[in-house]
N, C-alpha and C. Protein backbone atom coordinates (compact mmCIF):
# COMPACT_ATOMS: atom_id res chain seq x y z
N MET A 1 122.62 133.03 132.78
CA MET A 1 122.06 132.82 131.46
C MET A 1 122.99 131.94 130.63
N ARG A 2 122.43 130.94 129.94
CA ARG A 2 123.20 130.03 129.09
C ARG A 2 123.63 130.73 127.81
N SER A 3 124.78 130.31 127.35
CA SER A 3 125.22 130.84 126.07
C SER A 3 124.46 130.12 124.97
N PRO A 4 124.11 130.82 123.87
CA PRO A 4 123.34 130.21 122.79
C PRO A 4 124.04 129.00 122.18
N SER A 5 125.37 128.99 122.15
CA SER A 5 126.08 127.86 121.54
C SER A 5 125.93 126.59 122.37
N VAL A 6 125.84 126.72 123.70
CA VAL A 6 125.64 125.54 124.55
C VAL A 6 124.26 124.93 124.26
N GLY A 7 123.26 125.77 124.13
CA GLY A 7 121.92 125.29 123.82
C GLY A 7 121.89 124.59 122.47
N PHE A 8 122.52 125.19 121.49
CA PHE A 8 122.56 124.60 120.16
C PHE A 8 123.31 123.27 120.18
N THR A 9 124.45 123.23 120.88
CA THR A 9 125.23 122.00 120.97
C THR A 9 124.43 120.91 121.67
N GLY A 10 123.75 121.29 122.72
CA GLY A 10 122.93 120.31 123.43
C GLY A 10 121.84 119.73 122.55
N ILE A 11 121.20 120.59 121.78
CA ILE A 11 120.15 120.14 120.86
C ILE A 11 120.75 119.24 119.79
N LEU A 12 121.92 119.63 119.27
CA LEU A 12 122.58 118.82 118.24
C LEU A 12 122.94 117.44 118.77
N VAL A 13 123.48 117.37 119.98
CA VAL A 13 123.82 116.08 120.59
C VAL A 13 122.56 115.24 120.78
N LEU A 14 121.48 115.87 121.23
CA LEU A 14 120.22 115.17 121.43
C LEU A 14 119.69 114.61 120.10
N LEU A 15 119.74 115.42 119.04
CA LEU A 15 119.28 114.95 117.73
C LEU A 15 120.12 113.78 117.22
N VAL A 16 121.42 113.85 117.39
CA VAL A 16 122.28 112.74 116.96
C VAL A 16 121.95 111.49 117.76
N PHE A 17 121.75 111.63 119.07
CA PHE A 17 121.40 110.49 119.91
C PHE A 17 120.07 109.88 119.49
N LEU A 18 119.06 110.72 119.31
CA LEU A 18 117.75 110.22 118.91
C LEU A 18 117.81 109.55 117.53
N SER A 19 118.57 110.13 116.63
CA SER A 19 118.72 109.54 115.30
C SER A 19 119.34 108.15 115.40
N ALA A 20 120.36 108.01 116.22
CA ALA A 20 121.01 106.71 116.38
C ALA A 20 120.08 105.70 117.03
N CYS A 21 119.28 106.14 118.00
CA CYS A 21 118.38 105.22 118.69
C CYS A 21 117.19 104.83 117.83
N CYS A 22 116.62 105.78 117.15
CA CYS A 22 115.38 105.54 116.41
C CYS A 22 115.59 104.93 115.04
N CYS A 23 116.72 105.13 114.45
CA CYS A 23 116.89 104.74 113.05
C CYS A 23 117.73 103.50 112.85
N SER A 24 118.22 102.91 113.92
CA SER A 24 119.01 101.69 113.72
C SER A 24 118.10 100.48 113.81
N SER A 25 118.45 99.46 113.06
CA SER A 25 117.67 98.22 113.06
C SER A 25 117.96 97.45 114.32
N SER A 26 116.92 96.92 114.95
CA SER A 26 117.11 96.19 116.20
C SER A 26 117.76 94.83 115.99
N THR A 27 117.71 94.30 114.79
CA THR A 27 118.27 92.97 114.57
C THR A 27 119.67 92.99 114.00
N HIS A 28 120.01 94.00 113.21
CA HIS A 28 121.31 93.99 112.55
C HIS A 28 122.16 95.21 112.88
N GLY A 29 121.61 96.19 113.57
CA GLY A 29 122.37 97.36 113.92
C GLY A 29 122.57 98.33 112.76
N SER A 30 121.92 98.12 111.64
CA SER A 30 122.03 99.03 110.51
C SER A 30 120.69 99.11 109.81
N LEU A 31 120.57 100.11 108.96
CA LEU A 31 119.32 100.29 108.23
C LEU A 31 119.19 99.23 107.15
N GLU A 32 118.00 98.70 106.99
CA GLU A 32 117.71 97.76 105.93
C GLU A 32 116.48 98.23 105.20
N THR A 33 116.67 98.83 104.03
CA THR A 33 115.50 99.21 103.27
C THR A 33 114.95 97.97 102.60
N GLU A 34 113.68 97.98 102.40
CA GLU A 34 112.97 96.83 101.85
C GLU A 34 112.02 97.34 100.80
N LYS A 35 111.78 96.55 99.80
CA LYS A 35 110.82 96.91 98.76
C LYS A 35 109.58 96.04 98.91
N THR A 36 108.45 96.61 98.57
CA THR A 36 107.20 95.86 98.54
C THR A 36 106.40 96.28 97.33
N PHE A 37 105.43 95.47 96.99
CA PHE A 37 104.58 95.72 95.83
C PHE A 37 103.21 96.19 96.31
N ALA A 38 102.66 97.17 95.61
CA ALA A 38 101.35 97.71 95.98
C ALA A 38 100.50 97.91 94.73
N ILE A 39 99.20 97.70 94.89
CA ILE A 39 98.25 97.99 93.82
C ILE A 39 97.14 98.87 94.40
N ILE A 40 96.81 99.93 93.66
CA ILE A 40 95.56 100.62 93.93
C ILE A 40 94.59 100.00 92.93
N LYS A 41 93.61 99.29 93.46
CA LYS A 41 92.69 98.48 92.66
C LYS A 41 91.68 99.36 91.92
N PRO A 42 90.88 98.75 91.02
CA PRO A 42 89.95 99.55 90.22
C PRO A 42 89.05 100.47 91.03
N ASP A 43 88.53 100.01 92.17
CA ASP A 43 87.65 100.88 92.96
C ASP A 43 88.40 102.07 93.54
N GLY A 44 89.68 101.90 93.83
CA GLY A 44 90.49 103.01 94.33
C GLY A 44 90.81 104.02 93.24
N LEU A 45 91.16 103.50 92.08
CA LEU A 45 91.51 104.37 90.96
C LEU A 45 90.27 105.09 90.42
N LEU A 46 89.21 104.35 90.18
CA LEU A 46 87.99 104.95 89.64
C LEU A 46 87.24 105.79 90.67
N GLY A 47 87.47 105.50 91.94
CA GLY A 47 86.82 106.28 93.01
C GLY A 47 87.58 107.54 93.37
N ASN A 48 88.60 107.86 92.58
CA ASN A 48 89.40 109.07 92.79
C ASN A 48 90.12 109.11 94.14
N TYR A 49 90.57 107.96 94.61
CA TYR A 49 91.34 107.90 95.85
C TYR A 49 92.84 107.89 95.61
N THR A 50 93.26 107.85 94.37
CA THR A 50 94.67 107.68 94.03
C THR A 50 95.56 108.75 94.67
N ASP A 51 95.23 110.00 94.52
CA ASP A 51 96.08 111.07 95.07
C ASP A 51 96.16 110.99 96.59
N ASP A 52 95.03 110.72 97.24
CA ASP A 52 95.03 110.59 98.71
C ASP A 52 95.87 109.40 99.16
N ILE A 53 95.76 108.29 98.46
CA ILE A 53 96.54 107.11 98.83
C ILE A 53 98.03 107.36 98.64
N LYS A 54 98.39 107.94 97.51
CA LYS A 54 99.81 108.23 97.25
C LYS A 54 100.36 109.24 98.26
N ARG A 55 99.58 110.23 98.63
CA ARG A 55 100.01 111.21 99.63
C ARG A 55 100.23 110.50 100.98
N THR A 56 99.32 109.61 101.34
CA THR A 56 99.47 108.85 102.59
C THR A 56 100.72 107.99 102.56
N ILE A 57 100.97 107.34 101.44
CA ILE A 57 102.17 106.51 101.28
C ILE A 57 103.42 107.33 101.57
N VAL A 58 103.52 108.49 100.96
CA VAL A 58 104.70 109.34 101.12
C VAL A 58 104.77 109.89 102.55
N GLU A 59 103.64 110.29 103.12
CA GLU A 59 103.62 110.80 104.50
C GLU A 59 104.10 109.76 105.50
N TYR A 60 103.89 108.48 105.20
CA TYR A 60 104.32 107.41 106.09
C TYR A 60 105.75 106.95 105.82
N GLY A 61 106.48 107.72 105.04
CA GLY A 61 107.90 107.48 104.86
C GLY A 61 108.29 106.55 103.72
N PHE A 62 107.34 106.15 102.90
CA PHE A 62 107.66 105.31 101.75
C PHE A 62 108.17 106.16 100.60
N ARG A 63 109.02 105.57 99.80
CA ARG A 63 109.39 106.15 98.51
C ARG A 63 108.70 105.32 97.44
N ILE A 64 108.09 105.97 96.48
CA ILE A 64 107.49 105.27 95.34
C ILE A 64 108.57 105.17 94.28
N LEU A 65 109.15 103.97 94.13
CA LEU A 65 110.27 103.79 93.20
C LEU A 65 109.81 103.68 91.75
N LYS A 66 108.72 102.98 91.54
CA LYS A 66 108.17 102.77 90.20
C LYS A 66 106.66 102.78 90.32
N GLU A 67 106.01 103.25 89.27
CA GLU A 67 104.55 103.17 89.24
C GLU A 67 104.09 103.23 87.79
N LYS A 68 102.98 102.56 87.53
CA LYS A 68 102.35 102.67 86.22
C LYS A 68 100.90 102.23 86.32
N ILE A 69 100.09 102.84 85.48
CA ILE A 69 98.68 102.46 85.39
C ILE A 69 98.57 101.42 84.30
N VAL A 70 97.89 100.31 84.61
CA VAL A 70 97.69 99.24 83.64
C VAL A 70 96.25 98.76 83.69
N GLN A 71 95.81 98.26 82.55
CA GLN A 71 94.52 97.58 82.48
C GLN A 71 94.83 96.09 82.44
N LEU A 72 94.48 95.38 83.48
CA LEU A 72 94.78 93.96 83.56
C LEU A 72 93.80 93.16 82.71
N ASP A 73 94.30 92.12 82.06
CA ASP A 73 93.42 91.21 81.34
C ASP A 73 93.25 89.95 82.17
N GLU A 74 92.32 89.10 81.75
CA GLU A 74 91.99 87.90 82.50
C GLU A 74 93.19 86.99 82.73
N GLY A 75 93.98 86.79 81.70
CA GLY A 75 95.15 85.91 81.82
C GLY A 75 96.16 86.42 82.83
N THR A 76 96.40 87.72 82.84
CA THR A 76 97.34 88.32 83.78
C THR A 76 96.84 88.15 85.21
N VAL A 77 95.56 88.41 85.43
CA VAL A 77 94.99 88.29 86.78
C VAL A 77 95.04 86.83 87.24
N LYS A 78 94.68 85.89 86.36
CA LYS A 78 94.74 84.47 86.73
C LYS A 78 96.15 84.07 87.13
N SER A 79 97.13 84.54 86.39
CA SER A 79 98.52 84.20 86.69
C SER A 79 98.99 84.88 87.98
N PHE A 80 98.67 86.15 88.14
CA PHE A 80 99.12 86.90 89.32
C PHE A 80 98.52 86.34 90.61
N TYR A 81 97.24 85.99 90.58
CA TYR A 81 96.53 85.49 91.76
C TYR A 81 96.39 83.96 91.73
N ALA A 82 97.31 83.27 91.09
CA ALA A 82 97.21 81.81 90.92
C ALA A 82 97.03 81.06 92.24
N GLU A 83 97.60 81.55 93.33
CA GLU A 83 97.48 80.86 94.62
C GLU A 83 96.04 80.82 95.12
N HIS A 84 95.18 81.65 94.56
CA HIS A 84 93.77 81.67 94.96
C HIS A 84 92.86 80.92 93.98
N SER A 85 93.43 80.25 93.00
CA SER A 85 92.63 79.66 91.92
C SER A 85 91.62 78.62 92.39
N SER A 86 91.86 77.96 93.49
CA SER A 86 90.93 76.94 93.97
C SER A 86 89.87 77.51 94.93
N LYS A 87 89.94 78.79 95.21
CA LYS A 87 89.01 79.39 96.16
C LYS A 87 87.73 79.84 95.46
N SER A 88 86.66 79.86 96.23
CA SER A 88 85.34 80.16 95.67
C SER A 88 85.24 81.58 95.09
N PHE A 89 86.03 82.50 95.58
CA PHE A 89 85.94 83.88 95.13
C PHE A 89 86.80 84.18 93.90
N PHE A 90 87.51 83.19 93.37
CA PHE A 90 88.48 83.43 92.30
C PHE A 90 87.86 84.07 91.06
N SER A 91 86.75 83.56 90.58
CA SER A 91 86.15 84.13 89.36
C SER A 91 85.67 85.56 89.61
N SER A 92 85.17 85.83 90.80
CA SER A 92 84.75 87.19 91.15
C SER A 92 85.96 88.13 91.22
N LEU A 93 87.06 87.62 91.74
CA LEU A 93 88.30 88.40 91.82
C LEU A 93 88.79 88.78 90.42
N ILE A 94 88.73 87.83 89.50
CA ILE A 94 89.15 88.10 88.12
C ILE A 94 88.27 89.19 87.51
N LYS A 95 86.97 89.05 87.68
CA LYS A 95 86.04 90.04 87.13
C LYS A 95 86.31 91.43 87.72
N TYR A 96 86.51 91.48 89.02
CA TYR A 96 86.78 92.75 89.71
C TYR A 96 88.09 93.38 89.25
N MET A 97 89.16 92.60 89.21
CA MET A 97 90.48 93.16 88.88
C MET A 97 90.61 93.54 87.41
N THR A 98 89.71 93.06 86.56
CA THR A 98 89.72 93.45 85.15
C THR A 98 88.65 94.51 84.84
N SER A 99 87.95 94.98 85.86
CA SER A 99 86.83 95.91 85.66
C SER A 99 87.27 97.35 85.37
N GLY A 100 88.53 97.64 85.55
CA GLY A 100 89.05 98.98 85.30
C GLY A 100 90.54 99.00 85.50
N PRO A 101 91.18 100.11 85.21
CA PRO A 101 92.63 100.19 85.37
C PRO A 101 93.03 100.12 86.84
N VAL A 102 94.28 99.73 87.05
CA VAL A 102 94.88 99.70 88.38
C VAL A 102 96.20 100.47 88.33
N LEU A 103 96.63 100.95 89.47
CA LEU A 103 97.94 101.59 89.59
C LEU A 103 98.83 100.63 90.35
N ILE A 104 99.91 100.19 89.71
CA ILE A 104 100.85 99.28 90.38
C ILE A 104 102.09 100.08 90.76
N MET A 105 102.63 99.76 91.94
CA MET A 105 103.76 100.53 92.47
C MET A 105 104.76 99.63 93.18
N VAL A 106 105.99 100.06 93.19
CA VAL A 106 107.03 99.48 94.03
C VAL A 106 107.33 100.52 95.09
N LEU A 107 107.15 100.13 96.34
CA LEU A 107 107.39 101.02 97.48
C LEU A 107 108.65 100.60 98.19
N GLU A 108 109.33 101.56 98.81
CA GLU A 108 110.56 101.25 99.53
C GLU A 108 110.63 102.04 100.82
N LYS A 109 111.08 101.40 101.86
CA LYS A 109 111.39 102.02 103.15
C LYS A 109 111.86 100.92 104.08
N ASP A 110 112.33 101.26 105.23
CA ASP A 110 112.65 100.26 106.24
C ASP A 110 111.36 99.55 106.61
N ASN A 111 111.40 98.23 106.68
CA ASN A 111 110.24 97.44 107.09
C ASN A 111 109.02 97.68 106.19
N ALA A 112 109.26 97.84 104.90
CA ALA A 112 108.21 98.23 103.95
C ALA A 112 107.03 97.26 103.91
N ILE A 113 107.30 95.97 103.93
CA ILE A 113 106.22 94.98 103.77
C ILE A 113 105.24 95.07 104.94
N ALA A 114 105.75 94.98 106.14
CA ALA A 114 104.87 95.03 107.32
C ALA A 114 104.21 96.41 107.47
N ASP A 115 104.97 97.47 107.20
CA ASP A 115 104.41 98.81 107.35
C ASP A 115 103.31 99.08 106.32
N TRP A 116 103.49 98.61 105.08
CA TRP A 116 102.45 98.80 104.06
C TRP A 116 101.20 98.01 104.43
N ARG A 117 101.38 96.78 104.91
CA ARG A 117 100.22 95.98 105.30
C ARG A 117 99.47 96.64 106.46
N ALA A 118 100.20 97.22 107.40
CA ALA A 118 99.56 97.90 108.53
C ALA A 118 98.81 99.14 108.04
N LEU A 119 99.40 99.88 107.12
CA LEU A 119 98.76 101.08 106.58
C LEU A 119 97.52 100.74 105.77
N MET A 120 97.55 99.60 105.07
CA MET A 120 96.37 99.17 104.30
C MET A 120 95.22 98.83 105.23
N GLY A 121 95.50 98.15 106.33
CA GLY A 121 94.46 97.71 107.25
C GLY A 121 93.97 96.32 106.90
N PRO A 122 93.03 95.79 107.67
CA PRO A 122 92.51 94.44 107.45
C PRO A 122 91.91 94.28 106.05
N THR A 123 91.97 93.05 105.53
CA THR A 123 91.47 92.74 104.19
C THR A 123 90.01 93.13 104.01
N ASP A 124 89.20 92.85 105.00
CA ASP A 124 87.77 93.18 104.92
C ASP A 124 87.58 94.65 105.29
N ALA A 125 87.32 95.47 104.30
CA ALA A 125 87.19 96.91 104.52
C ALA A 125 86.07 97.27 105.50
N SER A 126 84.99 96.49 105.50
CA SER A 126 83.91 96.79 106.44
C SER A 126 84.36 96.57 107.88
N LYS A 127 85.22 95.58 108.12
CA LYS A 127 85.78 95.39 109.47
C LYS A 127 86.85 96.43 109.77
N ALA A 128 87.62 96.81 108.74
CA ALA A 128 88.66 97.82 108.93
C ALA A 128 88.07 99.14 109.40
N LYS A 129 86.86 99.46 108.94
CA LYS A 129 86.21 100.71 109.34
C LYS A 129 85.97 100.74 110.85
N ILE A 130 85.84 99.57 111.46
CA ILE A 130 85.60 99.48 112.90
C ILE A 130 86.92 99.35 113.67
N THR A 131 87.77 98.43 113.24
CA THR A 131 88.98 98.13 114.00
C THR A 131 90.19 98.99 113.66
N HIS A 132 90.27 99.51 112.43
CA HIS A 132 91.41 100.32 111.98
C HIS A 132 90.88 101.51 111.16
N PRO A 133 90.16 102.42 111.80
CA PRO A 133 89.45 103.48 111.07
C PRO A 133 90.35 104.44 110.28
N HIS A 134 91.64 104.48 110.57
CA HIS A 134 92.54 105.38 109.85
C HIS A 134 93.29 104.67 108.72
N SER A 135 93.02 103.40 108.53
CA SER A 135 93.70 102.64 107.47
C SER A 135 93.13 103.01 106.10
N ILE A 136 93.89 102.70 105.06
CA ILE A 136 93.45 102.99 103.70
C ILE A 136 92.16 102.24 103.37
N ARG A 137 92.10 100.97 103.72
CA ARG A 137 90.90 100.19 103.41
C ARG A 137 89.67 100.72 104.15
N ALA A 138 89.84 101.21 105.36
CA ALA A 138 88.71 101.78 106.09
C ALA A 138 88.21 103.04 105.41
N LYS A 139 89.12 103.81 104.87
CA LYS A 139 88.76 105.10 104.26
C LYS A 139 88.17 104.95 102.86
N CYS A 140 88.63 103.94 102.10
CA CYS A 140 88.13 103.89 100.71
C CYS A 140 87.70 102.51 100.23
N GLY A 141 87.83 101.49 101.05
CA GLY A 141 87.36 100.18 100.65
C GLY A 141 85.89 99.99 100.98
N LEU A 142 85.29 98.97 100.37
CA LEU A 142 83.87 98.70 100.60
C LEU A 142 83.63 97.42 101.38
N ASP A 143 84.33 96.35 101.01
CA ASP A 143 84.07 95.04 101.62
C ASP A 143 85.32 94.17 101.48
N MET A 144 85.14 92.86 101.57
CA MET A 144 86.25 91.92 101.51
C MET A 144 86.90 91.93 100.12
N GLU A 145 86.11 92.04 99.07
CA GLU A 145 86.66 92.01 97.72
C GLU A 145 87.09 93.40 97.26
N LYS A 146 86.20 94.35 97.36
CA LYS A 146 86.49 95.71 96.91
C LYS A 146 87.11 96.48 98.08
N ASN A 147 88.39 96.17 98.30
CA ASN A 147 89.07 96.75 99.45
C ASN A 147 90.15 97.75 99.06
N CYS A 148 90.15 98.19 97.81
CA CYS A 148 90.90 99.35 97.33
C CYS A 148 92.39 99.12 97.07
N VAL A 149 93.07 98.34 97.88
CA VAL A 149 94.52 98.20 97.71
C VAL A 149 94.98 96.76 97.93
N HIS A 150 96.15 96.47 97.40
CA HIS A 150 96.81 95.18 97.57
C HIS A 150 98.23 95.44 98.03
N GLY A 151 98.76 94.51 98.81
CA GLY A 151 100.17 94.58 99.21
C GLY A 151 100.74 93.21 99.42
N SER A 152 102.01 93.07 99.14
CA SER A 152 102.72 91.80 99.34
C SER A 152 102.67 91.42 100.81
N ASP A 153 102.58 90.09 101.07
CA ASP A 153 102.48 89.64 102.46
C ASP A 153 103.78 89.06 103.02
N SER A 154 104.84 89.00 102.21
CA SER A 154 106.11 88.45 102.67
C SER A 154 107.21 88.90 101.71
N PRO A 155 108.46 88.76 102.12
CA PRO A 155 109.56 89.09 101.20
C PRO A 155 109.51 88.26 99.91
N LYS A 156 109.18 86.99 100.03
CA LYS A 156 109.09 86.13 98.85
C LYS A 156 107.98 86.60 97.90
N SER A 157 106.82 86.95 98.45
CA SER A 157 105.72 87.48 97.63
C SER A 157 106.10 88.80 96.99
N ALA A 158 106.76 89.67 97.75
CA ALA A 158 107.18 90.96 97.21
C ALA A 158 108.10 90.76 96.01
N GLN A 159 109.03 89.87 96.15
CA GLN A 159 109.97 89.61 95.05
C GLN A 159 109.22 89.08 93.82
N ARG A 160 108.33 88.13 94.02
CA ARG A 160 107.56 87.56 92.91
C ARG A 160 106.67 88.62 92.26
N GLU A 161 105.96 89.38 93.08
CA GLU A 161 105.00 90.36 92.55
C GLU A 161 105.69 91.52 91.84
N ILE A 162 106.79 92.00 92.39
CA ILE A 162 107.52 93.09 91.73
C ILE A 162 108.07 92.62 90.39
N SER A 163 108.69 91.45 90.38
CA SER A 163 109.27 90.98 89.11
C SER A 163 108.19 90.58 88.10
N PHE A 164 106.99 90.26 88.57
CA PHE A 164 105.87 89.93 87.68
C PHE A 164 105.54 91.14 86.79
N PHE A 165 105.54 92.33 87.38
CA PHE A 165 105.16 93.54 86.65
C PHE A 165 106.34 94.42 86.25
N PHE A 166 107.43 94.34 86.98
CA PHE A 166 108.59 95.18 86.72
C PHE A 166 109.81 94.29 86.54
N LYS A 167 109.94 93.70 85.40
CA LYS A 167 111.02 92.74 85.12
C LYS A 167 112.39 93.35 85.40
N GLU A 168 112.55 94.66 85.13
CA GLU A 168 113.83 95.31 85.30
C GLU A 168 114.29 95.37 86.76
N LEU A 169 113.38 95.16 87.71
CA LEU A 169 113.74 95.18 89.13
C LEU A 169 113.89 93.79 89.73
N SER A 170 113.72 92.75 88.95
CA SER A 170 113.66 91.40 89.50
C SER A 170 114.92 90.99 90.25
N ALA A 171 116.09 91.47 89.87
CA ALA A 171 117.32 91.07 90.55
C ALA A 171 117.61 91.93 91.78
N ASP A 172 116.91 93.04 91.93
CA ASP A 172 117.21 93.99 93.00
C ASP A 172 115.99 94.27 93.86
N VAL A 173 115.33 93.22 94.34
CA VAL A 173 114.06 93.43 95.02
C VAL A 173 114.20 93.44 96.53
N VAL A 174 114.32 92.30 97.13
CA VAL A 174 114.38 92.22 98.59
C VAL A 174 115.42 91.21 99.01
N ALA A 175 115.97 91.42 100.18
CA ALA A 175 116.88 90.44 100.74
C ALA A 175 116.06 89.27 101.27
N GLU A 176 116.55 88.08 101.11
CA GLU A 176 115.83 86.90 101.62
C GLU A 176 115.99 86.82 103.13
N HIS A 177 114.90 86.73 103.84
CA HIS A 177 114.91 86.46 105.27
C HIS A 177 113.53 85.96 105.67
N ASP A 178 113.50 85.19 106.71
CA ASP A 178 112.23 84.63 107.17
C ASP A 178 111.47 85.69 107.93
N GLU A 179 110.17 85.73 107.73
CA GLU A 179 109.31 86.66 108.46
C GLU A 179 108.01 85.97 108.78
N LEU A 180 107.66 85.97 110.03
CA LEU A 180 106.41 85.34 110.45
C LEU A 180 105.39 86.38 110.78
């Protein structure tokens, strides 16, 4: 019969080993937390999905560093989504994003940008329901426009979007690195 201390020591060694293997960054050998920007859009907020979305965010290892509910005006939406100004859906996007309050958040975790985008699912919620049925957009989005959530698509976008709404975080957002 094994002594209980040997079993405990073995488990402790295994946990330390797994922690070292699973939690180290493959590129730098250390943890790199990253911040990203998230919005629960009017359909998510008004559809009472906020608590479920926030619970999912936390369950997936994100920390919600900052959050606030805001009512966006036309000028703010035009400025925030300026890169889409020449697209045919721009006026519809403005109308949609000003149709009700939104919850804006700064999320943090290792690989936050890519992980948040994966958790959101494909932009078109109707396609997400088929290809990514457990994603946020599949669960509470409706279509390409009313897709419930927004997330930064790169470190540069995360930095711009966070500082757009949270000026106090503009100097402490994300480390610059290329991501494809």
